[in-house]
Amino acid sequence: MGQTLAEKILSAKSDTQAHAGHIVVAQVDLVFVQDSTGPLTVRQFKETGLTVHNPAKTILFIDHSAPSPAKELSNDHMFLRKFAGETGVNLSEIGEGVCHQIVAETWANPGDIIVGADSHTVTGGALGAFASGMGSTDIAVAMALGKTWLRVPETIRVLVYGRCPRGVHSKDIILHIIGKVGADGATYKSLEFGGDVINGMPMPERLTMANMVVEAGAKVGLFPSDGVTQSYLREQGRGEKYIPLQPDPDAVYEETIKIDVSKLQPTVARPHTVDNIALASELKGVRIDQVFIGTCTNGRLEDIAIAAEIMKGRRRNKNTRLVVAPASKKIYLEALAKGYIADLVEAGAAIVPPGCAACLGVHMGVLGDGEACLSTANRNFKGRMGNPESFIYLASPATAAATAIRGEITDPREFL
């Protein structure tokens, strides 16, 4: 019987013939935490009395509250720094960027198993890695033993075909998919992407889609490892890590979903769930107080370029704030060199350090009572950006830039 991508990877890492529903104990290639989950994970790890299995493949990221906005968080950062010094694990400091982007840039490889104490660890699936978030106790065990147990997930095949209309990006595609599947429609499933659109999709857009599969409840979101993957790995200086990885032609899927992108339009997720979608054109007139461009979902160079292209020579609406956070230091430097940051600053944007910034609702963009934000992030739950009395809409960088100019939700095709 043929295997899906998830079954192939888990078979190779557990030295078994893994199929959906099996329980496997698999070798882990990378373990990481960030500064909101890391302190608890480290404390639980210390309770085991064990040593770190592979310090070279264990990372502590300080990115969610970076720089620290409060003394309690500063103390957590001190705790993580001390643990890194004691054990020799990798430490990613403030200003380096968001954990998921740095994992993609530096660490993730096809066929890897990556576990992180953060639900958006799934971003690594764009490179053909079985990447999944876990709770702090499971991550502590993986840190100590270099392996973890997993139930092999059933797989939903998502075939994306057609030709993307102008103004439609991968963020619109994944929001459409989540709206179709539902916020819990893929719980503990693998979403496996294929089709001619996926085959030609650049890595940055694949990363956006993989990042958001957990918003449909998925355990992992997997893209094939192909020529796009190989080119990306070469660009990051680790081309030797490439291996081709495709599902078998006779793989068994729980369900197959087909998406014709030629019928899609710029899409927005309305408060307070990600599957509450509508077309941007249908929300014209909805007042927006703040636009936030960045995060592990849409803070890449290509995202910043799209926003800068639309905003160049224009100004943000005087009543709408615009906050931009590059996803990593590398992206920030490239955006500076290409002039994108200057274009955005001249348009009225506030540029904040690489990191999660306003997404978590701790600092650098917390909303006031009754305010509405259109964000390129991945979640719009009540209170997500620090205030349960505010409203969060999710959209692509193109829609975000158009909205910043008009001060209300705007279809980006009006500026293209």
Protein backbone atom coordinates (compact mmCIF):
# COMPACT_ATOMS: atom_id res chain seq x y z
CA MET A 1 0.00 0.00 0.00
CA GLY A 2 1.32 3.43 -0.95
CA GLN A 3 2.23 6.07 1.62
CA THR A 4 1.43 9.72 2.15
CA LEU A 5 4.18 12.22 2.93
CA ALA A 6 3.46 11.97 6.66
CA GLU A 7 3.60 8.17 6.57
CA LYS A 8 6.88 8.20 4.62
CA ILE A 9 8.64 10.57 7.00
CA LEU A 10 7.43 8.82 10.15
CA SER A 11 8.38 5.43 8.69
CA ALA A 12 11.92 6.58 8.00
CA LYS A 13 12.36 8.15 11.44
CA SER A 14 10.85 5.25 13.40
CA ASP A 15 12.31 2.40 11.34
CA THR A 16 8.81 0.96 10.92
CA GLN A 17 6.21 0.74 8.17
CA ALA A 18 3.99 3.52 9.48
CA HIS A 19 0.41 4.01 8.37
CA ALA A 20 -2.41 6.23 9.62
CA GLY A 21 -3.52 5.30 13.11
CA HIS A 22 -0.24 3.62 14.12
CA ILE A 23 1.70 4.78 17.16
CA VAL A 24 5.42 5.30 16.47
CA VAL A 25 8.45 6.36 18.48
CA ALA A 26 10.47 8.54 16.12
CA GLN A 27 13.87 10.20 16.17
CA VAL A 28 13.69 14.00 16.39
CA ASP A 29 15.97 16.21 14.30
CA LEU A 30 15.26 19.58 15.92
CA VAL A 31 13.71 20.72 19.22
CA PHE A 32 12.92 24.33 20.06
CA VAL A 33 11.05 26.60 22.44
CA GLN A 34 10.35 30.32 22.54
CA ASP A 35 10.25 32.79 25.39
CA SER A 36 6.58 32.36 26.28
CA THR A 37 6.70 28.53 26.39
CA GLY A 38 10.40 28.05 27.08
CA PRO A 39 10.59 28.77 30.82
CA LEU A 40 7.95 26.12 31.64
CA THR A 41 9.61 23.62 29.28
CA VAL A 42 13.02 24.17 30.84
CA ARG A 43 11.65 23.78 34.37
CA GLN A 44 9.98 20.52 33.41
CA PHE A 45 13.15 19.37 31.67
CA LYS A 46 15.15 20.02 34.83
CA GLU A 47 12.74 17.83 36.79
CA THR A 48 13.74 14.84 34.64
CA GLY A 49 17.30 15.01 35.94
CA LEU A 50 18.55 14.20 32.42
CA THR A 51 20.96 16.03 30.13
CA VAL A 52 20.12 17.59 26.76
CA HIS A 53 20.32 14.83 24.15
CA ASN A 54 21.66 17.03 21.33
CA PRO A 55 22.48 20.64 22.30
CA ALA A 56 23.47 21.44 18.71
CA LYS A 57 19.90 20.71 17.56
CA THR A 58 18.12 22.38 20.47
CA ILE A 59 17.20 26.08 20.26
CA LEU A 60 15.85 28.66 22.68
CA PHE A 61 14.28 31.63 20.87
CA ILE A 62 13.69 35.02 22.47
CA ASP A 63 11.24 36.45 19.96
CA HIS A 64 7.71 36.73 21.33
CA SER A 65 8.39 39.55 23.81
CA ALA A 66 11.54 40.98 22.35
CA PRO A 67 12.79 43.40 23.52
CA SER A 68 11.15 42.70 26.86
CA PRO A 69 8.29 45.04 27.81
CA ALA A 70 8.10 43.99 31.49
CA LYS A 71 10.42 42.93 34.32
CA GLU A 72 8.71 39.53 34.67
CA LEU A 73 9.46 38.75 31.03
CA SER A 74 13.00 40.06 31.44
CA ASN A 75 13.47 37.54 34.24
CA ASP A 76 12.22 34.76 31.95
CA HIS A 77 14.74 35.84 29.33
CA MET A 78 17.51 35.75 31.96
CA PHE A 79 16.42 32.23 32.90
CA LEU A 80 16.63 31.03 29.30
CA ARG A 81 20.01 32.68 28.74
CA LYS A 82 21.39 31.00 31.85
CA PHE A 83 20.10 27.59 30.74
CA ALA A 84 21.72 28.05 27.33
CA GLY A 85 25.00 28.90 28.99
CA GLU A 86 24.81 25.84 31.24
CA THR A 87 23.90 23.32 28.53
CA GLY A 88 25.40 24.66 25.31
CA VAL A 89 22.08 24.73 23.46
CA ASN A 90 21.55 27.39 20.80
CA LEU A 91 20.19 30.77 21.88
CA SER A 92 18.49 33.10 19.40
CA GLU A 93 18.51 36.59 20.92
CA ILE A 94 16.24 39.61 20.57
CA GLY A 95 16.33 41.10 17.10
CA GLU A 96 17.24 37.85 15.36
CA GLY A 97 13.61 37.21 14.41
CA VAL A 98 10.67 34.85 14.76
CA CYS A 99 11.50 31.23 15.60
CA HIS A 100 9.54 29.77 12.68
CA GLN A 101 11.22 31.98 10.10
CA ILE A 102 14.71 31.27 11.46
CA VAL A 103 13.97 27.54 11.52
CA ALA A 104 13.06 27.76 7.82
CA GLU A 105 16.11 29.87 6.98
CA THR A 106 18.66 27.86 8.94
CA TRP A 107 17.48 24.51 10.26
CA ALA A 108 14.56 22.73 8.56
CA ASN A 109 15.27 20.07 5.93
CA PRO A 110 13.10 17.65 3.92
CA GLY A 111 12.31 14.48 5.83
CA ASP A 112 13.15 15.99 9.23
CA ILE A 113 11.01 15.66 12.33
CA ILE A 114 10.83 19.03 14.08
CA VAL A 115 9.00 19.60 17.35
CA GLY A 116 8.52 22.95 19.02
CA ALA A 117 6.67 24.31 22.02
CA ASP A 118 4.61 26.53 19.71
CA SER A 119 1.62 25.61 17.58
CA HIS A 120 2.99 27.32 14.48
CA THR A 121 5.95 24.95 14.37
CA VAL A 122 3.93 23.51 11.44
CA THR A 123 5.56 26.21 9.25
CA GLY A 124 8.45 23.79 8.60
CA GLY A 125 6.11 21.56 6.60
CA ALA A 126 6.68 23.88 3.65
CA LEU A 127 10.13 22.30 3.29
CA GLY A 128 8.83 18.73 3.50
CA ALA A 129 9.59 18.36 7.21
CA PHE A 130 7.16 16.74 9.64
CA ALA A 131 7.02 19.81 11.88
CA SER A 132 4.51 20.02 14.70
CA GLY A 133 3.83 21.88 17.91
CA MET A 134 3.64 20.09 21.26
CA GLY A 135 3.09 20.91 24.91
CA SER A 136 5.93 21.80 27.21
CA THR A 137 6.16 18.35 28.84
CA ASP A 138 6.45 16.54 25.51
CA ILE A 139 9.09 19.02 24.34
CA ALA A 140 11.04 18.56 27.58
CA VAL A 141 11.08 14.78 26.98
CA ALA A 142 12.15 15.24 23.34
CA MET A 143 14.91 17.55 24.53
CA ALA A 144 16.14 14.88 26.93
CA LEU A 145 15.73 11.75 24.79
CA GLY A 146 16.03 12.96 21.20
CA LYS A 147 12.84 11.14 20.28
CA THR A 148 9.11 11.40 20.73
CA TRP A 149 5.97 9.36 20.26
CA LEU A 150 3.44 10.24 17.61
CA ARG A 151 0.18 8.89 16.34
CA VAL A 152 0.48 8.74 12.55
CA PRO A 153 -2.18 11.17 11.29
CA GLU A 154 -4.76 10.51 8.61
CA THR A 155 -4.19 12.74 5.59
CA ILE A 156 -6.45 15.14 3.74
CA ARG A 157 -5.12 15.76 0.24
CA VAL A 158 -5.54 19.38 -0.92
CA LEU A 159 -5.13 19.82 -4.68
CA VAL A 160 -4.74 23.44 -5.75
CA TYR A 161 -5.03 24.15 -9.45
CA GLY A 162 -5.81 26.94 -11.93
CA ARG A 163 -4.25 30.38 -12.30
CA CYS A 164 -4.14 32.91 -9.47
CA PRO A 165 -5.88 36.17 -10.39
CA ARG A 166 -4.00 39.40 -9.83
CA GLY A 167 -4.15 40.42 -6.17
CA VAL A 168 -4.69 36.86 -4.91
CA HIS A 169 -1.85 35.34 -2.88
CA SER A 170 -1.21 32.21 -0.83
CA LYS A 171 -2.72 33.90 2.25
CA ASP A 172 -6.01 34.18 0.37
CA ILE A 173 -5.76 30.53 -0.65
CA ILE A 174 -5.17 29.23 2.88
CA LEU A 175 -7.91 31.45 4.34
CA HIS A 176 -10.28 30.02 1.73
CA ILE A 177 -9.22 26.47 2.63
CA ILE A 178 -9.71 27.09 6.37
CA GLY A 179 -13.11 28.64 5.67
CA LYS A 180 -14.03 25.54 3.68
CA VAL A 181 -12.64 22.94 6.13
CA GLY A 182 -13.56 24.76 9.34
CA ALA A 183 -11.55 25.68 12.42
CA ASP A 184 -11.57 22.07 13.66
CA GLY A 185 -12.21 20.24 10.39
CA ALA A 186 -8.69 18.83 10.17
CA THR A 187 -8.04 18.12 13.84
CA TYR A 188 -4.95 15.87 14.21
CA LYS A 189 -4.86 15.35 10.45
CA SER A 190 -2.08 15.97 7.97
CA LEU A 191 -2.96 18.45 5.23
CA GLU A 192 -0.91 17.44 2.20
CA PHE A 193 -0.71 19.97 -0.62
CA GLY A 194 -0.38 19.22 -4.32
CA GLY A 195 -1.52 20.35 -7.75
CA ASP A 196 -0.09 22.62 -10.43
CA VAL A 197 -0.37 25.79 -8.33
CA ILE A 198 1.57 24.16 -5.49
CA ASN A 199 4.19 22.79 -7.87
CA GLY A 200 4.98 26.31 -9.05
CA MET A 201 4.52 28.08 -5.72
CA PRO A 202 7.65 29.83 -4.34
CA MET A 203 8.87 28.85 -0.89
CA PRO A 204 7.76 32.06 0.88
CA GLU A 205 4.16 31.42 -0.16
CA ARG A 206 4.42 27.76 0.83
CA LEU A 207 5.62 28.87 4.27
CA THR A 208 2.54 31.09 4.65
CA MET A 209 0.20 28.20 3.89
CA ALA A 210 2.01 25.65 6.06
CA ASN A 211 2.05 28.15 8.92
CA MET A 212 -1.74 28.34 9.04
CA VAL A 213 -2.78 24.67 8.77
CA VAL A 214 -3.07 24.49 12.56
CA GLU A 215 -5.92 27.03 12.29
CA ALA A 216 -7.93 24.16 10.81
CA GLY A 217 -6.73 21.91 13.65
CA ALA A 218 -4.12 20.05 11.59
CA LYS A 219 -1.19 18.25 13.21
CA VAL A 220 1.03 19.03 10.24
CA GLY A 221 0.87 20.60 6.79
CA LEU A 222 3.16 19.00 4.22
CA PHE A 223 4.44 20.19 0.86
CA PRO A 224 6.44 17.94 -1.47
CA SER A 225 10.21 18.35 -1.51
CA ASP A 226 10.91 19.30 -5.12
CA GLY A 227 12.85 21.72 -7.28
CA VAL A 228 11.44 24.70 -5.38
CA THR A 229 12.69 23.18 -2.13
CA GLN A 230 16.09 22.43 -3.62
CA SER A 231 16.51 26.00 -4.88
CA TYR A 232 15.51 27.45 -1.51
CA LEU A 233 17.96 25.24 0.37
CA ARG A 234 20.76 26.28 -1.98
CA GLU A 235 19.93 29.94 -1.38
CA GLN A 236 20.19 29.32 2.37
CA GLY A 237 23.57 27.63 1.99
CA ARG A 238 22.53 24.05 2.72
CA GLY A 239 21.76 22.59 -0.69
CA GLU A 240 23.35 19.29 0.37
CA LYS A 241 20.38 18.71 2.70
CA TYR A 242 17.96 18.34 -0.21
CA ILE A 243 16.23 15.03 -0.78
CA PRO A 244 13.25 14.57 -3.12
CA LEU A 245 10.08 13.64 -1.31
CA GLN A 246 6.71 12.93 -2.94
CA PRO A 247 3.67 10.90 -1.86
CA ASP A 248 3.17 7.55 -3.56
CA PRO A 249 0.67 7.54 -6.45
CA ASP A 250 -1.44 4.94 -4.61
CA ALA A 251 -1.32 6.66 -1.20
CA VAL A 252 -4.56 6.43 0.75
CA TYR A 253 -6.21 9.71 1.76
CA GLU A 254 -9.11 10.26 4.11
CA GLU A 255 -10.44 12.96 1.80
CA THR A 256 -9.40 14.97 -1.24
CA ILE A 257 -10.25 18.66 -1.53
CA LYS A 258 -9.89 20.51 -4.84
CA ILE A 259 -9.40 24.28 -4.98
CA ASP A 260 -9.66 26.21 -8.26
CA VAL A 261 -7.73 29.41 -7.51
CA SER A 262 -8.97 31.11 -10.67
CA LYS A 263 -12.27 31.61 -8.84
CA LEU A 264 -10.72 33.16 -5.71
CA GLN A 265 -10.66 36.81 -4.68
CA PRO A 266 -8.78 38.67 -1.92
CA THR A 267 -10.10 37.15 1.29
CA VAL A 268 -10.39 38.32 4.90
CA ALA A 269 -11.01 36.40 8.14
CA ARG A 270 -13.42 38.33 10.35
CA PRO A 271 -13.46 38.37 14.18
CA HIS A 272 -13.23 36.17 16.15
CA THR A 273 -12.37 32.94 14.31
CA VAL A 274 -10.10 32.24 11.35
CA ASP A 275 -12.78 30.30 9.45
CA ASN A 276 -15.16 33.28 9.55
CA ILE A 277 -14.14 34.44 6.07
CA ALA A 278 -15.50 37.00 3.63
CA LEU A 279 -14.25 38.71 0.49
CA ALA A 280 -12.35 41.95 1.01
CA SER A 281 -14.74 43.62 -1.41
CA GLU A 282 -17.69 42.59 0.77
CA LEU A 283 -16.17 44.36 3.81
CA LYS A 284 -15.63 47.72 2.15
CA GLY A 285 -16.43 50.45 4.64
CA VAL A 286 -15.29 48.53 7.75
CA ARG A 287 -13.16 51.07 9.64
CA ILE A 288 -9.65 49.94 10.65
CA ASP A 289 -7.61 51.70 13.35
CA GLN A 290 -4.37 49.74 12.92
CA VAL A 291 -2.77 47.68 10.16
CA PHE A 292 -0.06 45.21 11.16
CA ILE A 293 2.22 43.66 8.53
CA GLY A 294 4.63 40.96 9.68
CA THR A 295 4.76 37.78 11.81
CA CYS A 296 5.76 34.20 10.98
CA THR A 297 2.86 34.15 8.51
CA ASN A 298 3.58 37.17 6.32
CA GLY A 299 6.72 38.96 7.49
CA ARG A 300 9.00 37.73 4.71
CA LEU A 301 10.85 39.83 2.15
CA GLU A 302 8.28 39.09 -0.55
CA ASP A 303 5.46 40.21 1.76
CA ILE A 304 7.21 43.46 2.59
CA ALA A 305 7.88 44.02 -1.12
CA ILE A 306 4.18 43.61 -1.98
CA ALA A 307 3.19 46.13 0.68
CA ALA A 308 5.91 48.57 -0.36
CA GLU A 309 4.90 48.35 -4.02
CA ILE A 310 1.32 49.33 -3.21
CA MET A 311 2.26 52.05 -0.70
CA LYS A 312 5.15 53.67 -2.60
CA GLY A 313 4.31 57.29 -3.29
CA ARG A 314 1.18 57.05 -1.14
CA ARG A 315 0.44 57.73 2.53
CA ARG A 316 -1.39 55.75 5.15
CA ASN A 317 -4.76 57.11 6.18
CA LYS A 318 -4.24 59.74 8.88
CA ASN A 319 -6.55 57.84 11.23
CA THR A 320 -4.96 54.41 10.68
CA ARG A 321 -1.68 53.34 12.27
CA LEU A 322 0.66 51.10 10.29
CA VAL A 323 3.10 48.77 12.10
CA VAL A 324 5.59 46.64 10.15
CA ALA A 325 7.73 43.86 11.69
CA PRO A 326 10.18 41.91 9.48
CA ALA A 327 10.21 38.23 10.40
CA SER A 328 14.00 38.00 10.73
CA LYS A 329 17.17 40.10 10.79
CA LYS A 330 18.11 38.71 7.38
CA ILE A 331 14.79 39.88 5.92
CA TYR A 332 15.12 43.27 7.59
CA LEU A 333 18.56 43.84 6.07
CA GLU A 334 17.42 42.74 2.62
CA ALA A 335 14.33 44.96 2.80
CA LEU A 336 16.54 47.89 3.79
CA ALA A 337 18.96 47.24 0.93
CA LYS A 338 16.14 47.06 -1.64
CA GLY A 339 14.51 50.26 -0.42
CA TYR A 340 11.28 48.65 0.77
CA ILE A 341 11.67 49.89 4.34
CA ALA A 342 12.27 53.46 3.15
CA ASP A 343 9.14 53.31 0.99
CA LEU A 344 7.07 52.12 3.93
CA VAL A 345 8.50 54.64 6.37
CA GLU A 346 7.80 57.45 3.90
CA ALA A 347 4.24 56.12 3.66
CA GLY A 348 3.88 56.53 7.43
CA ALA A 349 4.78 53.07 8.75
CA ALA A 350 6.38 52.41 12.12
CA ILE A 351 9.06 49.72 11.72
CA VAL A 352 9.65 47.55 14.80
CA PRO A 353 12.46 45.03 15.46
CA PRO A 354 12.34 41.57 13.87
CA GLY A 355 10.17 39.33 16.03
CA CYS A 356 6.55 38.56 16.81
CA ALA A 357 5.76 42.19 17.79
CA ALA A 358 2.02 42.95 18.00
CA CYS A 359 0.86 39.42 17.12
CA LEU A 360 0.91 38.07 20.67
CA GLY A 361 -0.67 41.13 22.25
CA VAL A 362 2.17 41.86 24.69
CA HIS A 363 3.61 45.04 23.18
CA MET A 364 4.32 47.08 20.03
CA GLY A 365 0.72 47.39 18.92
CA VAL A 366 -1.74 46.44 21.69
CA LEU A 367 -5.22 47.62 20.69
CA GLY A 368 -7.53 49.93 22.62
CA ASP A 369 -11.14 49.22 23.56
CA GLY A 370 -13.32 48.96 20.48
CA GLU A 371 -10.41 49.30 18.05
CA ALA A 372 -10.09 47.15 14.95
CA CYS A 373 -6.86 45.87 13.44
CA LEU A 374 -6.29 44.27 10.05
CA SER A 375 -3.29 41.98 10.48
CA THR A 376 -1.26 39.63 8.29
CA ALA A 377 -0.89 37.27 11.26
CA ASN A 378 -2.53 33.86 11.67
CA ARG A 379 -5.00 34.30 14.54
CA ASN A 380 -7.85 36.65 15.30
CA PHE A 381 -9.22 35.12 18.51
CA LYS A 382 -10.88 37.43 21.01
CA GLY A 383 -8.12 39.12 23.00
CA ARG A 384 -5.31 37.78 20.78
CA MET A 385 -3.69 41.20 20.37
CA GLY A 386 -3.91 42.08 24.04
CA ASN A 387 -7.45 43.40 24.42
CA PRO A 388 -10.64 41.28 24.45
CA GLU A 389 -12.59 44.47 23.66
CA SER A 390 -10.91 44.83 20.25
CA PHE A 391 -11.47 43.25 16.83
CA ILE A 392 -8.95 41.51 14.56
CA TYR A 393 -9.26 40.87 10.82
CA LEU A 394 -6.73 38.71 8.94
CA ALA A 395 -5.64 39.27 5.35
CA SER A 396 -2.71 39.25 2.92
CA PRO A 397 0.00 41.95 2.84
CA ALA A 398 -1.59 43.32 -0.34
CA THR A 399 -4.97 43.75 1.35
CA ALA A 400 -3.24 45.15 4.44
CA ALA A 401 -1.40 47.82 2.43
CA ALA A 402 -4.54 48.85 0.55
CA THR A 403 -6.43 49.03 3.82
CA ALA A 404 -3.75 51.20 5.42
CA ILE A 405 -4.12 53.72 2.59
CA ARG A 406 -7.90 53.90 2.71
CA GLY A 407 -8.38 53.45 6.46
CA GLU A 408 -11.05 50.82 5.82
CA ILE A 409 -10.91 47.25 4.54
CA THR A 410 -10.05 47.53 0.86
CA ASP A 411 -9.69 45.10 -2.02
CA PRO A 412 -6.03 45.48 -3.12
CA ARG A 413 -7.02 45.21 -6.78
CA GLU A 414 -8.09 48.82 -6.53
CA PHE A 415 -4.38 49.69 -6.39
CA LEU A 416 -3.02 47.15 -8.86
